[in-house]
Amino acid sequence: MGDDARNFCVQLDDLDRVANVHLPEFVTSAEIVTKGISAMPDALPLSEPFPSASKINEGYAGLQEALAAKHASAAQVLQDTTNALSEIARIYRVADGQS
């Protein structure tokens, strides 16, 4: 295939690098943030007689749960994308006779 085959190979190497190096770094970061959110205190250090302390703490707990769920979902999407890109690169390598 001449230069086209060489360029295709380089692009597959780049795809491999994204799938096996860069995206896993994002997955790890998202997992760390999720764990950090889960480690946050369940409530703010507010108590009665502070007006509306219980409502503020309820809102805080809901926000904490929502943030943890969003980050866990993002980590899963990144992991799924990583797996898909790895598989795409593998399939193209086989189809191109590179493996």
N, C-alpha and C. Protein backbone atom coordinates (compact mmCIF):
# COMPACT_ATOMS: atom_id res chain seq x y z
N MET A 1 0.80 -1.20 0.00
CA MET A 1 0.00 0.00 0.00
C MET A 1 0.84 1.27 0.00
N GLY A 2 2.13 1.16 0.07
CA GLY A 2 3.00 2.34 0.00
C GLY A 2 2.83 3.25 1.20
N ASP A 3 2.87 4.56 0.92
CA ASP A 3 2.77 5.56 1.99
C ASP A 3 1.45 5.48 2.73
N ASP A 4 0.38 5.11 2.04
CA ASP A 4 -0.92 5.00 2.69
C ASP A 4 -0.88 3.98 3.83
N ALA A 5 -0.22 2.86 3.61
CA ALA A 5 -0.13 1.82 4.65
C ALA A 5 0.68 2.33 5.83
N ARG A 6 1.76 3.05 5.57
CA ARG A 6 2.58 3.58 6.65
C ARG A 6 1.78 4.61 7.46
N ASN A 7 1.07 5.49 6.80
CA ASN A 7 0.26 6.49 7.48
C ASN A 7 -0.85 5.82 8.30
N PHE A 8 -1.45 4.79 7.74
CA PHE A 8 -2.51 4.06 8.44
C PHE A 8 -1.94 3.44 9.71
N CYS A 9 -0.76 2.87 9.62
CA CYS A 9 -0.09 2.25 10.77
C CYS A 9 0.16 3.31 11.85
N VAL A 10 0.64 4.46 11.47
CA VAL A 10 0.92 5.52 12.44
C VAL A 10 -0.37 5.93 13.12
N GLN A 11 -1.44 6.05 12.37
CA GLN A 11 -2.72 6.43 12.98
C GLN A 11 -3.21 5.35 13.94
N LEU A 12 -2.99 4.10 13.62
CA LEU A 12 -3.37 3.02 14.53
C LEU A 12 -2.53 3.08 15.81
N ASP A 13 -1.25 3.42 15.66
CA ASP A 13 -0.41 3.57 16.84
C ASP A 13 -0.93 4.71 17.72
N ASP A 14 -1.34 5.79 17.10
CA ASP A 14 -1.92 6.91 17.86
C ASP A 14 -3.21 6.49 18.54
N LEU A 15 -4.04 5.74 17.83
CA LEU A 15 -5.29 5.25 18.41
C LEU A 15 -5.00 4.33 19.60
N ASP A 16 -4.04 3.45 19.43
CA ASP A 16 -3.62 2.59 20.54
C ASP A 16 -3.17 3.40 21.75
N ARG A 17 -2.39 4.43 21.49
CA ARG A 17 -1.87 5.27 22.58
C ARG A 17 -3.02 5.97 23.31
N VAL A 18 -3.98 6.48 22.57
CA VAL A 18 -5.14 7.11 23.21
C VAL A 18 -5.91 6.09 24.04
N ALA A 19 -6.15 4.92 23.45
CA ALA A 19 -6.95 3.89 24.13
C ALA A 19 -6.24 3.28 25.33
N ASN A 20 -4.93 3.15 25.25
CA ASN A 20 -4.22 2.41 26.30
C ASN A 20 -3.41 3.28 27.26
N VAL A 21 -3.27 4.57 26.95
CA VAL A 21 -2.52 5.45 27.84
C VAL A 21 -3.38 6.61 28.31
N HIS A 22 -3.86 7.40 27.37
CA HIS A 22 -4.52 8.65 27.74
C HIS A 22 -5.90 8.45 28.35
N LEU A 23 -6.76 7.66 27.72
CA LEU A 23 -8.10 7.46 28.28
C LEU A 23 -8.06 6.77 29.64
N PRO A 24 -7.21 5.76 29.85
CA PRO A 24 -7.15 5.18 31.19
C PRO A 24 -6.76 6.21 32.28
N GLU A 25 -5.96 7.21 31.91
CA GLU A 25 -5.64 8.27 32.87
C GLU A 25 -6.89 9.04 33.26
N PHE A 26 -7.76 9.31 32.29
CA PHE A 26 -9.02 9.98 32.59
C PHE A 26 -9.92 9.10 33.45
N VAL A 27 -9.95 7.81 33.14
CA VAL A 27 -10.76 6.87 33.94
C VAL A 27 -10.29 6.90 35.39
N THR A 28 -8.99 6.81 35.58
CA THR A 28 -8.43 6.84 36.94
C THR A 28 -8.78 8.14 37.64
N SER A 29 -8.66 9.26 36.94
CA SER A 29 -9.00 10.56 37.53
C SER A 29 -10.47 10.63 37.93
N ALA A 30 -11.34 10.14 37.07
CA ALA A 30 -12.77 10.16 37.38
C ALA A 30 -13.08 9.27 38.58
N GLU A 31 -12.41 8.13 38.66
CA GLU A 31 -12.61 7.23 39.81
C GLU A 31 -12.11 7.87 41.11
N ILE A 32 -10.98 8.57 41.04
CA ILE A 32 -10.45 9.25 42.22
C ILE A 32 -11.40 10.33 42.70
N VAL A 33 -11.94 11.11 41.75
CA VAL A 33 -12.88 12.16 42.12
C VAL A 33 -14.13 11.55 42.74
N THR A 34 -14.62 10.45 42.15
CA THR A 34 -15.81 9.78 42.69
C THR A 34 -15.56 9.32 44.13
N LYS A 35 -14.41 8.72 44.38
CA LYS A 35 -14.08 8.29 45.73
C LYS A 35 -13.96 9.48 46.67
N GLY A 36 -13.40 10.58 46.18
CA GLY A 36 -13.28 11.78 47.00
C GLY A 36 -14.63 12.34 47.38
N ILE A 37 -15.57 12.33 46.45
CA ILE A 37 -16.92 12.81 46.74
C ILE A 37 -17.58 11.91 47.78
N SER A 38 -17.39 10.61 47.62
CA SER A 38 -17.98 9.66 48.57
C SER A 38 -17.38 9.83 49.97
N ALA A 39 -16.16 10.32 50.05
CA ALA A 39 -15.50 10.49 51.34
C ALA A 39 -15.87 11.81 52.02
N MET A 40 -16.60 12.65 51.33
CA MET A 40 -17.01 13.93 51.92
C MET A 40 -17.97 13.65 53.08
N PRO A 41 -17.98 14.56 54.04
CA PRO A 41 -18.91 14.35 55.17
C PRO A 41 -20.36 14.31 54.68
N ASP A 42 -21.17 13.55 55.38
CA ASP A 42 -22.58 13.41 55.00
C ASP A 42 -23.36 14.70 55.19
N ALA A 43 -22.90 15.53 56.07
CA ALA A 43 -23.62 16.77 56.35
C ALA A 43 -22.62 17.89 56.61
N LEU A 44 -23.07 19.09 56.39
CA LEU A 44 -22.26 20.25 56.73
C LEU A 44 -22.30 20.42 58.24
N PRO A 45 -21.32 21.08 58.80
CA PRO A 45 -21.32 21.25 60.25
C PRO A 45 -22.31 22.33 60.70
N LEU A 46 -23.53 22.14 60.30
CA LEU A 46 -24.59 23.08 60.68
C LEU A 46 -25.57 22.36 61.59
N SER A 47 -26.05 23.04 62.55
CA SER A 47 -27.05 22.43 63.42
C SER A 47 -28.01 23.52 63.90
N GLU A 48 -29.10 23.06 64.44
CA GLU A 48 -30.05 24.00 65.01
C GLU A 48 -29.33 24.70 66.15
N PRO A 49 -29.50 25.89 66.44
CA PRO A 49 -30.58 26.77 66.05
C PRO A 49 -30.35 27.52 64.74
N PHE A 50 -29.33 27.12 63.96
CA PHE A 50 -29.13 27.79 62.68
C PHE A 50 -30.38 27.59 61.83
N PRO A 51 -30.96 28.68 61.36
CA PRO A 51 -32.19 28.56 60.57
C PRO A 51 -31.97 27.70 59.31
N SER A 52 -32.86 26.81 59.08
CA SER A 52 -32.86 25.95 57.88
C SER A 52 -31.68 25.00 57.80
N ALA A 53 -31.03 24.71 58.90
CA ALA A 53 -29.86 23.81 58.88
C ALA A 53 -30.22 22.45 58.29
N SER A 54 -31.35 21.89 58.67
CA SER A 54 -31.71 20.57 58.17
C SER A 54 -31.98 20.60 56.66
N LYS A 55 -32.60 21.66 56.16
CA LYS A 55 -32.86 21.76 54.72
C LYS A 55 -31.55 21.91 53.94
N ILE A 56 -30.63 22.69 54.49
CA ILE A 56 -29.34 22.86 53.83
C ILE A 56 -28.60 21.52 53.79
N ASN A 57 -28.62 20.80 54.90
CA ASN A 57 -27.94 19.50 54.94
C ASN A 57 -28.59 18.49 54.00
N GLU A 58 -29.90 18.52 53.87
CA GLU A 58 -30.59 17.64 52.92
C GLU A 58 -30.17 17.96 51.49
N GLY A 59 -30.11 19.24 51.17
CA GLY A 59 -29.68 19.66 49.83
C GLY A 59 -28.25 19.28 49.55
N TYR A 60 -27.41 19.44 50.55
CA TYR A 60 -25.99 19.07 50.43
C TYR A 60 -25.85 17.57 50.17
N ALA A 61 -26.59 16.76 50.90
CA ALA A 61 -26.53 15.31 50.71
C ALA A 61 -27.00 14.94 49.30
N GLY A 62 -28.05 15.58 48.82
CA GLY A 62 -28.53 15.31 47.47
C GLY A 62 -27.51 15.71 46.42
N LEU A 63 -26.86 16.85 46.63
CA LEU A 63 -25.82 17.31 45.71
C LEU A 63 -24.65 16.33 45.70
N GLN A 64 -24.26 15.88 46.87
CA GLN A 64 -23.16 14.93 46.99
C GLN A 64 -23.49 13.63 46.24
N GLU A 65 -24.68 13.12 46.40
CA GLU A 65 -25.09 11.90 45.70
C GLU A 65 -25.11 12.10 44.19
N ALA A 66 -25.63 13.25 43.75
CA ALA A 66 -25.71 13.53 42.31
C ALA A 66 -24.31 13.64 41.71
N LEU A 67 -23.40 14.32 42.40
CA LEU A 67 -22.03 14.46 41.90
C LEU A 67 -21.34 13.10 41.81
N ALA A 68 -21.50 12.28 42.83
CA ALA A 68 -20.89 10.96 42.82
C ALA A 68 -21.44 10.11 41.68
N ALA A 69 -22.74 10.18 41.46
CA ALA A 69 -23.36 9.41 40.38
C ALA A 69 -22.87 9.88 39.01
N LYS A 70 -22.76 11.19 38.82
CA LYS A 70 -22.29 11.73 37.53
C LYS A 70 -20.85 11.32 37.27
N HIS A 71 -20.00 11.40 38.28
CA HIS A 71 -18.60 11.02 38.09
C HIS A 71 -18.45 9.52 37.87
N ALA A 72 -19.24 8.72 38.57
CA ALA A 72 -19.19 7.27 38.34
C ALA A 72 -19.64 6.94 36.92
N SER A 73 -20.67 7.63 36.46
CA SER A 73 -21.15 7.43 35.09
C SER A 73 -20.09 7.85 34.08
N ALA A 74 -19.44 8.98 34.32
CA ALA A 74 -18.38 9.45 33.42
C ALA A 74 -17.23 8.45 33.37
N ALA A 75 -16.86 7.90 34.52
CA ALA A 75 -15.78 6.91 34.56
C ALA A 75 -16.17 5.68 33.74
N GLN A 76 -17.43 5.26 33.83
CA GLN A 76 -17.88 4.10 33.07
C GLN A 76 -17.88 4.38 31.57
N VAL A 77 -18.33 5.56 31.18
CA VAL A 77 -18.33 5.93 29.75
C VAL A 77 -16.89 5.96 29.22
N LEU A 78 -15.99 6.53 30.00
CA LEU A 78 -14.58 6.56 29.58
C LEU A 78 -14.01 5.15 29.47
N GLN A 79 -14.36 4.29 30.41
CA GLN A 79 -13.86 2.91 30.35
C GLN A 79 -14.43 2.18 29.14
N ASP A 80 -15.71 2.38 28.86
CA ASP A 80 -16.33 1.76 27.68
C ASP A 80 -15.68 2.27 26.40
N THR A 81 -15.38 3.56 26.35
CA THR A 81 -14.73 4.15 25.18
C THR A 81 -13.33 3.58 25.02
N THR A 82 -12.61 3.43 26.12
CA THR A 82 -11.27 2.84 26.09
C THR A 82 -11.33 1.42 25.52
N ASN A 83 -12.26 0.64 26.02
CA ASN A 83 -12.40 -0.74 25.53
C ASN A 83 -12.74 -0.77 24.05
N ALA A 84 -13.65 0.10 23.62
CA ALA A 84 -14.06 0.13 22.21
C ALA A 84 -12.90 0.55 21.31
N LEU A 85 -12.15 1.56 21.71
CA LEU A 85 -11.02 2.00 20.88
C LEU A 85 -9.95 0.92 20.78
N SER A 86 -9.69 0.23 21.87
CA SER A 86 -8.72 -0.87 21.83
C SER A 86 -9.17 -1.95 20.86
N GLU A 87 -10.44 -2.27 20.91
CA GLU A 87 -10.98 -3.30 20.02
C GLU A 87 -10.97 -2.84 18.56
N ILE A 88 -11.28 -1.58 18.31
CA ILE A 88 -11.24 -1.03 16.95
C ILE A 88 -9.82 -1.13 16.40
N ALA A 89 -8.84 -0.71 17.20
CA ALA A 89 -7.45 -0.78 16.74
C ALA A 89 -7.04 -2.23 16.46
N ARG A 90 -7.46 -3.16 17.31
CA ARG A 90 -7.14 -4.57 17.11
C ARG A 90 -7.74 -5.09 15.80
N ILE A 91 -9.00 -4.77 15.57
CA ILE A 91 -9.69 -5.22 14.35
C ILE A 91 -9.02 -4.66 13.10
N TYR A 92 -8.68 -3.35 13.14
CA TYR A 92 -8.02 -2.76 11.98
C TYR A 92 -6.64 -3.35 11.75
N ARG A 93 -5.92 -3.64 12.82
CA ARG A 93 -4.60 -4.26 12.66
C ARG A 93 -4.74 -5.63 11.99
N VAL A 94 -5.70 -6.43 12.43
CA VAL A 94 -5.93 -7.74 11.83
C VAL A 94 -6.32 -7.58 10.36
N ALA A 95 -7.24 -6.67 10.08
CA ALA A 95 -7.70 -6.46 8.70
C ALA A 95 -6.57 -5.98 7.79
N ASP A 96 -5.63 -5.23 8.37
CA ASP A 96 -4.53 -4.69 7.58
C ASP A 96 -3.32 -5.61 7.60
N GLY A 97 -3.44 -6.76 8.28
CA GLY A 97 -2.34 -7.71 8.32
C GLY A 97 -1.19 -7.26 9.21
N GLN A 98 -1.45 -6.40 10.16
CA GLN A 98 -0.38 -5.88 11.04
C GLN A 98 -0.22 -6.70 12.31
N SER A 99 -1.08 -7.69 12.52
CA SER A 99 -0.92 -8.47 13.76
C SER A 99 -0.74 -9.93 13.46
